[in-house]
Amino acid sequence: MLQTLITIILPVFIVIGAGYACTVSKFLTQSHIEGLMKFTQGFAIPCLLFAAIAEINLSVSFDPRLLFAFFFGAGCCFTIGIWGAHLFLRRNWEDCVAIGFCCLFSNSVLLGLPLTERAFGTQNLTGNFAIIALHSPFCYGLGIITMEFVRNRSAGGFRVIKSISKAMFSNTLILGIGLGFLFNFTGWTLPNVIDETLKMIIAAALPTALFALGGILVQYRPEGDIRAITMVCAISLFVHPLITWVAGQLLIIPEDLFRSAVLTAAMAPGVNAFIFANMYGCAKRVAASSVLIATTASIITAWCWLTVLN
């Protein structure tokens, strides 16, 4: 099983390492990396989210107990991350929300899905798909609303609502998610030529985002942020799955859904954690380093959780 984890996770690090090497060697400049990040953040990943949600079967295994256990744990970790950063690390509120988002957003697609498939088989992925369908809308919705609230906390209520609405409906990630649900509910389909074009763009989304993350790491290093990074890693890899485990036991979730929920909760922060931090220009060094360090640590922590689940 450990060899399986390495086989799944190692390619992620090779892509990140390639971006780092190309940037540190000056083959690519920071402006090139920022362009790649803008492409993934503003275009390719929204296309990925649109296609994933448009095609998923929303009626399969949407067990409310599963969703409550996972997202209750995620919400608790978001809150713990914000207040931990504020009370113990003395960060400003904007940084606190970005750090909380790192604790909130598990890598459900790049790590959670293949790990569950390898560990328990394709037939046990229905819980993963249910979580993935709501994961980005829940996390980005919660993160954007909270960030816009703290950024406009001195303004009047109407201005806060206006700012939140503008941020939500001008964000291409949210738009991609919304369009995906619209196509799913209505049964609309894209013309074949557009669908094939979309698949080509989607194929580039995650590898390019990981490559760009490697380039970003050249600029944002962990000096001075070790405590924040350690907190994010601990909350993501231990607190979230523990809360999900306890909630799942109390709610008596079916075994296949329970394993999907706990294992997905045990994943490191995904690249979306850095995308969110980069979007608001807050705690970018913490987010980038947390993704890298927690993903490395998850080789061991995921092994531990798989041992417990088996």
C-alpha atoms as a PDB file:
ATOM      1  CA  MET A   1       0.000   0.000   0.000  1.00  0.00           C
ATOM      2  CA  LEU A   2       2.866   2.389   0.751  1.00  0.00           C
ATOM      3  CA  GLN A   3       4.225   1.771  -2.729  1.00  0.00           C
ATOM      4  CA  THR A   4       0.805   2.659  -4.116  1.00  0.00           C
ATOM      5  CA  LEU A   5       0.808   5.942  -2.218  1.00  0.00           C
ATOM      6  CA  ILE A   6       4.238   6.817  -3.567  1.00  0.00           C
ATOM      7  CA  THR A   7       3.173   5.901  -7.099  1.00  0.00           C
ATOM      8  CA  ILE A   8       0.166   8.216  -6.864  1.00  0.00           C
ATOM      9  CA  ILE A   9       1.827  11.142  -5.109  1.00  0.00           C
ATOM     10  CA  LEU A  10       5.303  11.131  -6.685  1.00  0.00           C
ATOM     11  CA  PRO A  11       4.134  12.379 -10.122  1.00  0.00           C
ATOM     12  CA  VAL A  12       2.581  15.393  -8.389  1.00  0.00           C
ATOM     13  CA  PHE A  13       5.957  16.311  -6.905  1.00  0.00           C
ATOM     14  CA  ILE A  14       7.754  15.782 -10.193  1.00  0.00           C
ATOM     15  CA  VAL A  15       5.479  18.330 -11.883  1.00  0.00           C
ATOM     16  CA  ILE A  16       5.865  20.791  -8.972  1.00  0.00           C
ATOM     17  CA  GLY A  17       9.625  20.211  -9.033  1.00  0.00           C
ATOM     18  CA  ALA A  18       9.770  20.884 -12.754  1.00  0.00           C
ATOM     19  CA  GLY A  19       8.095  24.256 -12.252  1.00  0.00           C
ATOM     20  CA  TYR A  20      10.466  25.056  -9.407  1.00  0.00           C
ATOM     21  CA  ALA A  21      13.546  24.045 -11.421  1.00  0.00           C
ATOM     22  CA  CYS A  22      12.508  26.005 -14.509  1.00  0.00           C
ATOM     23  CA  THR A  23      11.951  29.122 -12.415  1.00  0.00           C
ATOM     24  CA  VAL A  24      15.004  28.930 -10.161  1.00  0.00           C
ATOM     25  CA  SER A  25      17.197  28.340 -13.227  1.00  0.00           C
ATOM     26  CA  LYS A  26      15.714  31.485 -14.855  1.00  0.00           C
ATOM     27  CA  PHE A  27      14.363  29.487 -17.794  1.00  0.00           C
ATOM     28  CA  LEU A  28      10.998  30.992 -16.824  1.00  0.00           C
ATOM     29  CA  THR A  29      10.467  34.308 -15.061  1.00  0.00           C
ATOM     30  CA  GLN A  30       7.943  35.090 -12.332  1.00  0.00           C
ATOM     31  CA  SER A  31       5.813  36.904 -14.924  1.00  0.00           C
ATOM     32  CA  HIS A  32       5.642  33.670 -16.954  1.00  0.00           C
ATOM     33  CA  ILE A  33       4.582  31.749 -13.839  1.00  0.00           C
ATOM     34  CA  GLU A  34       1.964  34.356 -12.971  1.00  0.00           C
ATOM     35  CA  GLY A  35       0.578  34.026 -16.505  1.00  0.00           C
ATOM     36  CA  LEU A  36       0.295  30.257 -16.105  1.00  0.00           C
ATOM     37  CA  MET A  37      -1.438  30.710 -12.759  1.00  0.00           C
ATOM     38  CA  LYS A  38      -3.868  33.202 -14.281  1.00  0.00           C
ATOM     39  CA  PHE A  39      -4.645  30.722 -17.077  1.00  0.00           C
ATOM     40  CA  THR A  40      -5.380  27.909 -14.627  1.00  0.00           C
ATOM     41  CA  GLN A  41      -7.163  30.031 -12.029  1.00  0.00           C
ATOM     42  CA  GLY A  42      -9.250  32.076 -14.425  1.00  0.00           C
ATOM     43  CA  PHE A  43      -9.929  29.641 -17.251  1.00  0.00           C
ATOM     44  CA  ALA A  44      -8.751  26.018 -17.176  1.00  0.00           C
ATOM     45  CA  ILE A  45      -9.844  25.055 -13.642  1.00  0.00           C
ATOM     46  CA  PRO A  46     -13.296  26.701 -14.063  1.00  0.00           C
ATOM     47  CA  CYS A  47     -13.667  24.546 -17.194  1.00  0.00           C
ATOM     48  CA  LEU A  48     -12.663  21.486 -15.165  1.00  0.00           C
ATOM     49  CA  LEU A  49     -15.214  22.268 -12.449  1.00  0.00           C
ATOM     50  CA  PHE A  50     -17.926  22.925 -15.026  1.00  0.00           C
ATOM     51  CA  ALA A  51     -17.386  19.595 -16.781  1.00  0.00           C
ATOM     52  CA  ALA A  52     -17.107  17.571 -13.562  1.00  0.00           C
ATOM     53  CA  ILE A  53     -20.343  18.933 -12.087  1.00  0.00           C
ATOM     54  CA  ALA A  54     -22.250  18.888 -15.387  1.00  0.00           C
ATOM     55  CA  GLU A  55     -21.570  15.175 -15.863  1.00  0.00           C
ATOM     56  CA  ILE A  56     -21.810  13.795 -12.326  1.00  0.00           C
ATOM     57  CA  ASN A  57     -24.879  11.816 -11.282  1.00  0.00           C
ATOM     58  CA  LEU A  58     -26.175  13.949  -8.426  1.00  0.00           C
ATOM     59  CA  SER A  59     -28.786  11.384  -7.429  1.00  0.00           C
ATOM     60  CA  VAL A  60     -26.284   8.630  -6.599  1.00  0.00           C
ATOM     61  CA  SER A  61     -25.376   8.199  -2.928  1.00  0.00           C
ATOM     62  CA  PHE A  62     -26.026  11.786  -1.849  1.00  0.00           C
ATOM     63  CA  ASP A  63     -26.431  10.532   1.693  1.00  0.00           C
ATOM     64  CA  PRO A  64     -27.004  13.553   3.976  1.00  0.00           C
ATOM     65  CA  ARG A  65     -25.095  11.792   6.765  1.00  0.00           C
ATOM     66  CA  LEU A  66     -22.020  11.535   4.538  1.00  0.00           C
ATOM     67  CA  LEU A  67     -22.212  15.170   3.476  1.00  0.00           C
ATOM     68  CA  PHE A  68     -22.807  16.413   7.011  1.00  0.00           C
ATOM     69  CA  ALA A  69     -19.880  14.443   8.457  1.00  0.00           C
ATOM     70  CA  PHE A  70     -17.409  15.694   5.844  1.00  0.00           C
ATOM     71  CA  PHE A  71     -18.525  19.302   5.512  1.00  0.00           C
ATOM     72  CA  PHE A  72     -19.156  19.770   9.234  1.00  0.00           C
ATOM     73  CA  GLY A  73     -15.545  18.718   9.772  1.00  0.00           C
ATOM     74  CA  ALA A  74     -14.384  21.064   7.012  1.00  0.00           C
ATOM     75  CA  GLY A  75     -16.308  23.980   8.505  1.00  0.00           C
ATOM     76  CA  CYS A  76     -14.886  23.299  11.969  1.00  0.00           C
ATOM     77  CA  CYS A  77     -11.344  23.260  10.552  1.00  0.00           C
ATOM     78  CA  PHE A  78     -11.975  26.532   8.707  1.00  0.00           C
ATOM     79  CA  THR A  79     -13.063  28.124  11.997  1.00  0.00           C
ATOM     80  CA  ILE A  80     -10.171  26.621  13.964  1.00  0.00           C
ATOM     81  CA  GLY A  81      -7.702  27.813  11.326  1.00  0.00           C
ATOM     82  CA  ILE A  82      -9.020  31.390  11.350  1.00  0.00           C
ATOM     83  CA  TRP A  83      -9.058  31.763  15.126  1.00  0.00           C
ATOM     84  CA  GLY A  84      -5.785  29.897  15.580  1.00  0.00           C
ATOM     85  CA  ALA A  85      -4.071  32.263  13.137  1.00  0.00           C
ATOM     86  CA  HIS A  86      -5.612  35.289  14.842  1.00  0.00           C
ATOM     87  CA  LEU A  87      -5.186  34.383  18.502  1.00  0.00           C
ATOM     88  CA  PHE A  88      -1.883  32.493  18.472  1.00  0.00           C
ATOM     89  CA  LEU A  89      -0.105  33.728  15.335  1.00  0.00           C
ATOM     90  CA  ARG A  90      -1.333  37.343  15.501  1.00  0.00           C
ATOM     91  CA  ARG A  91      -2.030  37.519  11.750  1.00  0.00           C
ATOM     92  CA  ASN A  92      -4.374  40.136  10.290  1.00  0.00           C
ATOM     93  CA  TRP A  93      -7.928  39.002   9.548  1.00  0.00           C
ATOM     94  CA  GLU A  94      -7.405  38.703   5.782  1.00  0.00           C
ATOM     95  CA  ASP A  95      -4.434  36.392   6.312  1.00  0.00           C
ATOM     96  CA  CYS A  96      -6.460  34.465   8.898  1.00  0.00           C
ATOM     97  CA  VAL A  97      -9.219  33.730   6.377  1.00  0.00           C
ATOM     98  CA  ALA A  98      -6.679  32.597   3.759  1.00  0.00           C
ATOM     99  CA  ILE A  99      -5.020  30.319   6.328  1.00  0.00           C
ATOM    100  CA  GLY A 100      -8.429  29.014   7.390  1.00  0.00           C
ATOM    101  CA  PHE A 101      -9.184  28.234   3.744  1.00  0.00           C
ATOM    102  CA  CYS A 102      -6.015  26.115   3.601  1.00  0.00           C
ATOM    103  CA  CYS A 103      -7.399  24.104   6.537  1.00  0.00           C
ATOM    104  CA  LEU A 104     -10.787  23.871   4.802  1.00  0.00           C
ATOM    105  CA  PHE A 105      -9.933  22.682   1.283  1.00  0.00           C
ATOM    106  CA  SER A 106      -8.836  19.026   1.034  1.00  0.00           C
ATOM    107  CA  ASN A 107      -7.305  17.711  -2.178  1.00  0.00           C
ATOM    108  CA  SER A 108     -10.376  15.628  -2.976  1.00  0.00           C
ATOM    109  CA  VAL A 109      -9.666  15.128  -6.694  1.00  0.00           C
ATOM    110  CA  LEU A 110      -5.919  14.834  -7.191  1.00  0.00           C
ATOM    111  CA  LEU A 111      -5.276  12.713  -4.071  1.00  0.00           C
ATOM    112  CA  GLY A 112      -8.568  11.607  -2.495  1.00  0.00           C
ATOM    113  CA  LEU A 113     -10.103  10.055  -5.599  1.00  0.00           C
ATOM    114  CA  PRO A 114      -7.156   7.921  -6.762  1.00  0.00           C
ATOM    115  CA  LEU A 115      -6.268   6.860  -3.218  1.00  0.00           C
ATOM    116  CA  THR A 116      -9.799   5.654  -2.530  1.00  0.00           C
ATOM    117  CA  GLU A 117      -9.930   3.847  -5.877  1.00  0.00           C
ATOM    118  CA  ARG A 118      -6.630   2.067  -5.258  1.00  0.00           C
ATOM    119  CA  ALA A 119      -7.502   1.206  -1.670  1.00  0.00           C
ATOM    120  CA  PHE A 120     -11.160   0.157  -1.937  1.00  0.00           C
ATOM    121  CA  GLY A 121     -11.967  -0.239  -5.637  1.00  0.00           C
ATOM    122  CA  THR A 122     -13.886   1.702  -8.272  1.00  0.00           C
ATOM    123  CA  GLN A 123     -17.208   0.457  -6.924  1.00  0.00           C
ATOM    124  CA  ASN A 124     -16.618   2.423  -3.695  1.00  0.00           C
ATOM    125  CA  LEU A 125     -16.191   5.870  -5.238  1.00  0.00           C
ATOM    126  CA  THR A 126     -19.802   7.064  -5.055  1.00  0.00           C
ATOM    127  CA  GLY A 127     -19.149   8.856  -1.761  1.00  0.00           C
ATOM    128  CA  ASN A 128     -16.122  10.598  -3.279  1.00  0.00           C
ATOM    129  CA  PHE A 129     -18.158  11.849  -6.222  1.00  0.00           C
ATOM    130  CA  ALA A 130     -20.872  13.186  -3.921  1.00  0.00           C
ATOM    131  CA  ILE A 131     -18.281  15.124  -1.908  1.00  0.00           C
ATOM    132  CA  ILE A 132     -16.507  16.424  -5.027  1.00  0.00           C
ATOM    133  CA  ALA A 133     -19.770  17.713  -6.515  1.00  0.00           C
ATOM    134  CA  LEU A 134     -20.321  20.038  -3.531  1.00  0.00           C
ATOM    135  CA  HIS A 135     -16.731  20.541  -2.400  1.00  0.00           C
ATOM    136  CA  SER A 136     -15.760  23.566  -4.507  1.00  0.00           C
ATOM    137  CA  PRO A 137     -19.135  25.356  -4.195  1.00  0.00           C
ATOM    138  CA  PHE A 138     -19.105  24.915  -0.414  1.00  0.00           C
ATOM    139  CA  CYS A 139     -15.461  25.876   0.134  1.00  0.00           C
ATOM    140  CA  TYR A 140     -15.288  28.789  -2.286  1.00  0.00           C
ATOM    141  CA  GLY A 141     -18.685  30.056  -1.177  1.00  0.00           C
ATOM    142  CA  LEU A 142     -17.707  29.974   2.500  1.00  0.00           C
ATOM    143  CA  GLY A 143     -14.236  31.379   1.825  1.00  0.00           C
ATOM    144  CA  ILE A 144     -15.334  34.237  -0.426  1.00  0.00           C
ATOM    145  CA  ILE A 145     -18.206  35.298   1.825  1.00  0.00           C
ATOM    146  CA  THR A 146     -15.940  35.316   4.890  1.00  0.00           C
ATOM    147  CA  MET A 147     -13.091  37.135   3.118  1.00  0.00           C
ATOM    148  CA  GLU A 148     -15.355  39.802   1.648  1.00  0.00           C
ATOM    149  CA  PHE A 149     -16.968  40.303   5.036  1.00  0.00           C
ATOM    150  CA  VAL A 150     -13.654  40.893   6.839  1.00  0.00           C
ATOM    151  CA  ARG A 151     -12.341  43.106   4.012  1.00  0.00           C
ATOM    152  CA  ASN A 152     -15.418  45.310   4.250  1.00  0.00           C
ATOM    153  CA  ARG A 153     -16.113  45.001   7.983  1.00  0.00           C
ATOM    154  CA  SER A 154     -15.992  48.761   8.504  1.00  0.00           C
ATOM    155  CA  ALA A 155     -18.510  49.381   5.709  1.00  0.00           C
ATOM    156  CA  GLY A 156     -22.284  49.305   5.969  1.00  0.00           C
ATOM    157  CA  GLY A 157     -24.311  46.135   5.583  1.00  0.00           C
ATOM    158  CA  PHE A 158     -25.430  46.960   2.047  1.00  0.00           C
ATOM    159  CA  ARG A 159     -21.863  47.539   0.912  1.00  0.00           C
ATOM    160  CA  VAL A 160     -20.772  44.198   2.386  1.00  0.00           C
ATOM    161  CA  ILE A 161     -23.584  42.369   0.575  1.00  0.00           C
ATOM    162  CA  LYS A 162     -22.738  44.179  -2.648  1.00  0.00           C
ATOM    163  CA  SER A 163     -19.054  43.300  -2.321  1.00  0.00           C
ATOM    164  CA  ILE A 164     -19.798  39.636  -1.598  1.00  0.00           C
ATOM    165  CA  SER A 165     -22.203  39.411  -4.544  1.00  0.00           C
ATOM    166  CA  LYS A 166     -19.689  41.025  -6.879  1.00  0.00           C
ATOM    167  CA  ALA A 167     -16.914  38.685  -5.739  1.00  0.00           C
ATOM    168  CA  MET A 168     -19.121  35.612  -6.057  1.00  0.00           C
ATOM    169  CA  PHE A 169     -20.541  36.364  -9.496  1.00  0.00           C
ATOM    170  CA  SER A 170     -17.350  37.750 -11.032  1.00  0.00           C
ATOM    171  CA  ASN A 171     -15.272  34.776  -9.907  1.00  0.00           C
ATOM    172  CA  THR A 172     -14.783  32.405 -12.829  1.00  0.00           C
ATOM    173  CA  LEU A 173     -14.458  29.410 -10.489  1.00  0.00           C
ATOM    174  CA  ILE A 174     -17.910  30.065  -9.054  1.00  0.00           C
ATOM    175  CA  LEU A 175     -19.302  30.728 -12.527  1.00  0.00           C
ATOM    176  CA  GLY A 176     -17.912  27.406 -13.761  1.00  0.00           C
ATOM    177  CA  ILE A 177     -19.495  25.599 -10.821  1.00  0.00           C
ATOM    178  CA  GLY A 178     -22.847  27.360 -11.328  1.00  0.00           C
ATOM    179  CA  LEU A 179     -22.928  26.562 -15.040  1.00  0.00           C
ATOM    180  CA  GLY A 180     -22.081  22.957 -14.263  1.00  0.00           C
ATOM    181  CA  PHE A 181     -25.097  22.631 -11.976  1.00  0.00           C
ATOM    182  CA  LEU A 182     -27.286  24.373 -14.580  1.00  0.00           C
ATOM    183  CA  PHE A 183     -26.290  21.894 -17.301  1.00  0.00           C
ATOM    184  CA  ASN A 184     -26.689  18.981 -14.880  1.00  0.00           C
ATOM    185  CA  PHE A 185     -30.189  19.970 -13.766  1.00  0.00           C
ATOM    186  CA  THR A 186     -31.437  20.813 -17.271  1.00  0.00           C
ATOM    187  CA  GLY A 187     -29.778  17.926 -19.089  1.00  0.00           C
ATOM    188  CA  TRP A 188     -28.239  20.274 -21.633  1.00  0.00           C
ATOM    189  CA  THR A 189     -25.219  19.021 -23.574  1.00  0.00           C
ATOM    190  CA  LEU A 190     -22.495  20.788 -25.495  1.00  0.00           C
ATOM    191  CA  PRO A 191     -21.942  20.262 -29.245  1.00  0.00           C
ATOM    192  CA  ASN A 192     -19.368  17.532 -29.807  1.00  0.00           C
ATOM    193  CA  VAL A 193     -16.711  19.885 -31.176  1.00  0.00           C
ATOM    194  CA  ILE A 194     -17.023  22.146 -28.107  1.00  0.00           C
ATOM    195  CA  ASP A 195     -16.963  19.130 -25.797  1.00  0.00           C
ATOM    196  CA  GLU A 196     -13.741  17.852 -27.359  1.00  0.00           C
ATOM    197  CA  THR A 197     -12.182  21.312 -27.113  1.00  0.00           C
ATOM    198  CA  LEU A 198     -13.184  21.475 -23.449  1.00  0.00           C
ATOM    199  CA  LYS A 199     -11.524  18.124 -22.785  1.00  0.00           C
ATOM    200  CA  MET A 200      -8.241  19.424 -24.221  1.00  0.00           C
ATOM    201  CA  ILE A 201      -8.355  22.473 -21.940  1.00  0.00           C
ATOM    202  CA  ILE A 202      -9.277  20.365 -18.912  1.00  0.00           C
ATOM    203  CA  ALA A 203      -6.358  18.021 -19.548  1.00  0.00           C
ATOM    204  CA  ALA A 204      -4.003  20.969 -19.053  1.00  0.00           C
ATOM    205  CA  ALA A 205      -5.675  22.389 -15.933  1.00  0.00           C
ATOM    206  CA  LEU A 206      -4.200  20.449 -13.003  1.00  0.00           C
ATOM    207  CA  PRO A 207      -0.708  19.773 -14.436  1.00  0.00           C
ATOM    208  CA  THR A 208      -0.317  23.453 -15.336  1.00  0.00           C
ATOM    209  CA  ALA A 209      -1.566  24.544 -11.910  1.00  0.00           C
ATOM    210  CA  LEU A 210       0.934  22.229 -10.216  1.00  0.00           C
ATOM    211  CA  PHE A 211       3.760  23.404 -12.487  1.00  0.00           C
ATOM    212  CA  ALA A 212       2.917  27.031 -11.723  1.00  0.00           C
ATOM    213  CA  LEU A 213       2.796  26.219  -8.009  1.00  0.00           C
ATOM    214  CA  GLY A 214       6.376  24.973  -8.250  1.00  0.00           C
ATOM    215  CA  GLY A 215       7.385  28.290  -9.803  1.00  0.00           C
ATOM    216  CA  ILE A 216       5.558  30.213  -7.093  1.00  0.00           C
ATOM    217  CA  LEU A 217       7.448  28.302  -4.379  1.00  0.00           C
ATOM    218  CA  VAL A 218      10.677  29.932  -5.574  1.00  0.00           C
ATOM    219  CA  GLN A 219       9.262  33.280  -4.451  1.00  0.00           C
ATOM    220  CA  TYR A 220       7.373  32.198  -1.310  1.00  0.00           C
ATOM    221  CA  ARG A 221       9.470  30.217   1.120  1.00  0.00           C
ATOM    222  CA  PRO A 222       8.549  29.116   4.661  1.00  0.00           C
ATOM    223  CA  GLU A 223      10.921  31.413   6.592  1.00  0.00           C
ATOM    224  CA  GLY A 224       8.969  33.030   9.402  1.00  0.00           C
ATOM    225  CA  ASP A 225       5.796  31.039   8.696  1.00  0.00           C
ATOM    226  CA  ILE A 226       6.756  27.667  10.161  1.00  0.00           C
ATOM    227  CA  ARG A 227       4.138  27.875  12.939  1.00  0.00           C
ATOM    228  CA  ALA A 228       1.337  28.755  10.513  1.00  0.00           C
ATOM    229  CA  ILE A 229       2.359  25.990   8.098  1.00  0.00           C
ATOM    230  CA  THR A 230       2.587  23.450  10.920  1.00  0.00           C
ATOM    231  CA  MET A 231      -0.887  24.434  12.135  1.00  0.00           C
ATOM    232  CA  VAL A 232      -2.376  24.048   8.660  1.00  0.00           C
ATOM    233  CA  CYS A 233      -0.757  20.638   8.185  1.00  0.00           C
ATOM    234  CA  ALA A 234      -1.941  19.378  11.579  1.00  0.00           C
ATOM    235  CA  ILE A 235      -5.530  20.554  11.070  1.00  0.00           C
ATOM    236  CA  SER A 236      -5.736  19.220   7.500  1.00  0.00           C
ATOM    237  CA  LEU A 237      -4.124  15.836   8.088  1.00  0.00           C
ATOM    238  CA  PHE A 238      -5.423  14.991  11.574  1.00  0.00           C
ATOM    239  CA  VAL A 239      -8.225  17.244  12.862  1.00  0.00           C
ATOM    240  CA  HIS A 240     -10.487  17.142   9.785  1.00  0.00           C
ATOM    241  CA  PRO A 241     -10.451  13.334   9.398  1.00  0.00           C
ATOM    242  CA  LEU A 242     -10.831  12.893  13.165  1.00  0.00           C
ATOM    243  CA  ILE A 243     -13.957  15.089  13.276  1.00  0.00           C
ATOM    244  CA  THR A 244     -15.323  13.303  10.207  1.00  0.00           C
ATOM    245  CA  TRP A 245     -14.588   9.926  11.817  1.00  0.00           C
ATOM    246  CA  VAL A 246     -16.440  10.817  15.037  1.00  0.00           C
ATOM    247  CA  ALA A 247     -19.415  12.299  13.152  1.00  0.00           C
ATOM    248  CA  GLY A 248     -19.546   9.283  10.859  1.00  0.00           C
ATOM    249  CA  GLN A 249     -19.558   6.870  13.780  1.00  0.00           C
ATOM    250  CA  LEU A 250     -22.334   8.770  15.542  1.00  0.00           C
ATOM    251  CA  LEU A 251     -24.457   8.984  12.373  1.00  0.00           C
ATOM    252  CA  ILE A 252     -23.826   5.309  11.452  1.00  0.00           C
ATOM    253  CA  ILE A 253     -22.793   6.027   7.863  1.00  0.00           C
ATOM    254  CA  PRO A 254     -22.592   2.971   5.534  1.00  0.00           C
ATOM    255  CA  GLU A 255     -19.056   1.598   5.441  1.00  0.00           C
ATOM    256  CA  ASP A 256     -18.170   2.517   1.841  1.00  0.00           C
ATOM    257  CA  LEU A 257     -19.383   6.109   2.282  1.00  0.00           C
ATOM    258  CA  PHE A 258     -17.699   6.349   5.688  1.00  0.00           C
ATOM    259  CA  ARG A 259     -14.329   5.346   4.269  1.00  0.00           C
ATOM    260  CA  SER A 260     -14.663   7.813   1.398  1.00  0.00           C
ATOM    261  CA  ALA A 261     -15.502  10.645   3.800  1.00  0.00           C
ATOM    262  CA  VAL A 262     -12.652   9.978   6.243  1.00  0.00           C
ATOM    263  CA  LEU A 263      -9.994   9.370   3.593  1.00  0.00           C
ATOM    264  CA  THR A 264     -10.968  12.479   1.629  1.00  0.00           C
ATOM    265  CA  ALA A 265     -10.929  14.528   4.838  1.00  0.00           C
ATOM    266  CA  ALA A 266      -7.399  13.231   5.520  1.00  0.00           C
ATOM    267  CA  MET A 267      -5.992  14.677   2.301  1.00  0.00           C
ATOM    268  CA  ALA A 268      -3.555  17.586   2.212  1.00  0.00           C
ATOM    269  CA  PRO A 269      -4.733  21.042   1.101  1.00  0.00           C
ATOM    270  CA  GLY A 270      -5.227  21.125  -2.660  1.00  0.00           C
ATOM    271  CA  VAL A 271      -3.801  23.629  -5.121  1.00  0.00           C
ATOM    272  CA  ASN A 272      -7.081  25.535  -4.725  1.00  0.00           C
ATOM    273  CA  ALA A 273      -5.813  26.653  -1.310  1.00  0.00           C
ATOM    274  CA  PHE A 274      -3.036  28.561  -3.027  1.00  0.00           C
ATOM    275  CA  ILE A 275      -5.383  29.774  -5.779  1.00  0.00           C
ATOM    276  CA  PHE A 276      -7.623  31.329  -3.107  1.00  0.00           C
ATOM    277  CA  ALA A 277      -4.668  32.950  -1.322  1.00  0.00           C
ATOM    278  CA  ASN A 278      -3.293  34.208  -4.631  1.00  0.00           C
ATOM    279  CA  MET A 279      -6.717  35.551  -5.620  1.00  0.00           C
ATOM    280  CA  TYR A 280      -6.750  37.832  -2.552  1.00  0.00           C
ATOM    281  CA  GLY A 281      -2.991  38.329  -2.177  1.00  0.00           C
ATOM    282  CA  CYS A 282      -3.040  37.038   1.417  1.00  0.00           C
ATOM    283  CA  ALA A 283      -0.820  34.435   3.148  1.00  0.00           C
ATOM    284  CA  LYS A 284       0.493  33.164  -0.198  1.00  0.00           C
ATOM    285  CA  ARG A 285       3.714  31.824   1.304  1.00  0.00           C
ATOM    286  CA  VAL A 286       1.766  29.880   3.934  1.00  0.00           C
ATOM    287  CA  ALA A 287      -0.618  28.453   1.340  1.00  0.00           C
ATOM    288  CA  ALA A 288       2.064  27.422  -1.163  1.00  0.00           C
ATOM    289  CA  SER A 289       4.316  25.817   1.450  1.00  0.00           C
ATOM    290  CA  SER A 290       1.390  24.099   3.207  1.00  0.00           C
ATOM    291  CA  VAL A 291       0.312  22.419  -0.029  1.00  0.00           C
ATOM    292  CA  LEU A 292       3.840  21.122  -0.616  1.00  0.00           C
ATOM    293  CA  ILE A 293       4.689  20.060   2.949  1.00  0.00           C
ATOM    294  CA  ALA A 294       1.282  18.556   3.783  1.00  0.00           C
ATOM    295  CA  THR A 295       1.237  16.592   0.518  1.00  0.00           C
ATOM    296  CA  THR A 296       4.655  15.175   1.389  1.00  0.00           C
ATOM    297  CA  ALA A 297       3.524  14.330   4.925  1.00  0.00           C
ATOM    298  CA  SER A 298       0.341  12.702   3.602  1.00  0.00           C
ATOM    299  CA  ILE A 299       2.409   9.796   2.287  1.00  0.00           C
ATOM    300  CA  ILE A 300       2.686   8.701   5.931  1.00  0.00           C
ATOM    301  CA  THR A 301      -0.548  10.115   7.383  1.00  0.00           C
ATOM    302  CA  ALA A 302      -2.707   8.654   4.603  1.00  0.00           C
ATOM    303  CA  TRP A 303      -1.042   5.316   5.229  1.00  0.00           C
ATOM    304  CA  CYS A 304      -2.042   5.596   8.906  1.00  0.00           C
ATOM    305  CA  TRP A 305      -5.663   6.461   8.120  1.00  0.00           C
ATOM    306  CA  LEU A 306      -5.896   3.634   5.562  1.00  0.00           C
ATOM    307  CA  THR A 307      -4.581   1.229   8.190  1.00  0.00           C
ATOM    308  CA  VAL A 308      -7.262   2.387  10.632  1.00  0.00           C
ATOM    309  CA  LEU A 309     -10.019   2.174   8.003  1.00  0.00           C
ATOM    310  CA  ASN A 310      -9.005  -1.335   7.024  1.00  0.00           C
END
